[in-house]
N, C-alpha and C. Protein backbone atom coordinates (compact mmCIF):
# COMPACT_ATOMS: atom_id res chain seq x y z
N MET A 1 0.84 -1.21 0.00
CA MET A 1 0.00 0.00 0.00
C MET A 1 0.88 1.26 0.00
N ARG A 2 0.23 2.39 0.17
CA ARG A 2 0.98 3.65 0.22
C ARG A 2 1.47 3.90 1.64
N SER A 3 1.46 5.13 2.05
CA SER A 3 1.93 5.45 3.41
C SER A 3 0.98 4.88 4.45
N ASN A 4 1.45 4.75 5.68
CA ASN A 4 0.61 4.18 6.74
C ASN A 4 -0.65 5.03 6.92
N VAL A 5 -0.58 6.30 6.59
CA VAL A 5 -1.75 7.17 6.73
C VAL A 5 -2.82 6.73 5.74
N ASP A 6 -2.39 6.26 4.57
CA ASP A 6 -3.34 5.80 3.56
C ASP A 6 -3.83 4.40 3.91
N SER A 7 -2.94 3.61 4.51
CA SER A 7 -3.30 2.24 4.85
C SER A 7 -4.38 2.21 5.93
N ILE A 8 -4.26 3.07 6.90
CA ILE A 8 -5.22 3.09 8.02
C ILE A 8 -6.61 3.42 7.49
N LYS A 9 -6.67 4.11 6.37
CA LYS A 9 -7.97 4.47 5.80
C LYS A 9 -8.60 3.25 5.14
N MET A 10 -7.76 2.37 4.57
CA MET A 10 -8.27 1.18 3.88
C MET A 10 -8.54 0.05 4.87
N LEU A 11 -7.70 -0.06 5.87
CA LEU A 11 -7.86 -1.12 6.85
C LEU A 11 -8.96 -0.78 7.84
N PRO A 12 -9.50 -1.79 8.52
CA PRO A 12 -10.57 -1.60 9.51
C PRO A 12 -10.15 -0.61 10.59
N SER A 13 -9.00 -0.83 11.16
CA SER A 13 -8.54 0.06 12.23
C SER A 13 -7.09 0.46 11.99
N GLY A 14 -6.52 -0.04 10.90
CA GLY A 14 -5.14 0.30 10.59
C GLY A 14 -4.17 -0.34 11.56
N ARG A 15 -4.66 -1.28 12.36
CA ARG A 15 -3.80 -1.91 13.37
C ARG A 15 -2.85 -2.91 12.73
N GLU A 16 -3.01 -3.15 11.41
CA GLU A 16 -2.16 -4.13 10.75
C GLU A 16 -0.73 -3.59 10.58
N LYS A 17 -0.62 -2.29 10.30
CA LYS A 17 0.71 -1.70 10.11
C LYS A 17 0.84 -0.41 10.91
N MET A 18 -0.29 0.14 11.33
CA MET A 18 -0.24 1.38 12.10
C MET A 18 -0.33 1.09 13.59
N PRO A 19 0.80 1.13 14.32
CA PRO A 19 0.81 0.87 15.76
C PRO A 19 -0.08 1.88 16.49
N GLY A 20 -0.01 3.13 16.06
CA GLY A 20 -0.81 4.17 16.72
C GLY A 20 -2.26 4.09 16.28
N GLY A 21 -2.53 3.31 15.22
CA GLY A 21 -3.90 3.21 14.73
C GLY A 21 -4.65 2.09 15.43
N ALA A 22 -3.93 1.32 16.25
CA ALA A 22 -4.58 0.20 16.96
C ALA A 22 -5.35 0.73 18.17
N ASN A 23 -6.32 1.54 17.90
CA ASN A 23 -7.10 2.15 18.99
C ASN A 23 -8.33 1.31 19.27
N ASP A 24 -8.72 0.50 18.32
CA ASP A 24 -9.92 -0.32 18.48
C ASP A 24 -9.65 -1.39 19.53
């Protein structure tokens, strides 16, 4: 994918690659 900012938008919570996105 693109940057993690773009990935978090495509992923459910972005917890797959975004450590800070694992808020769920």
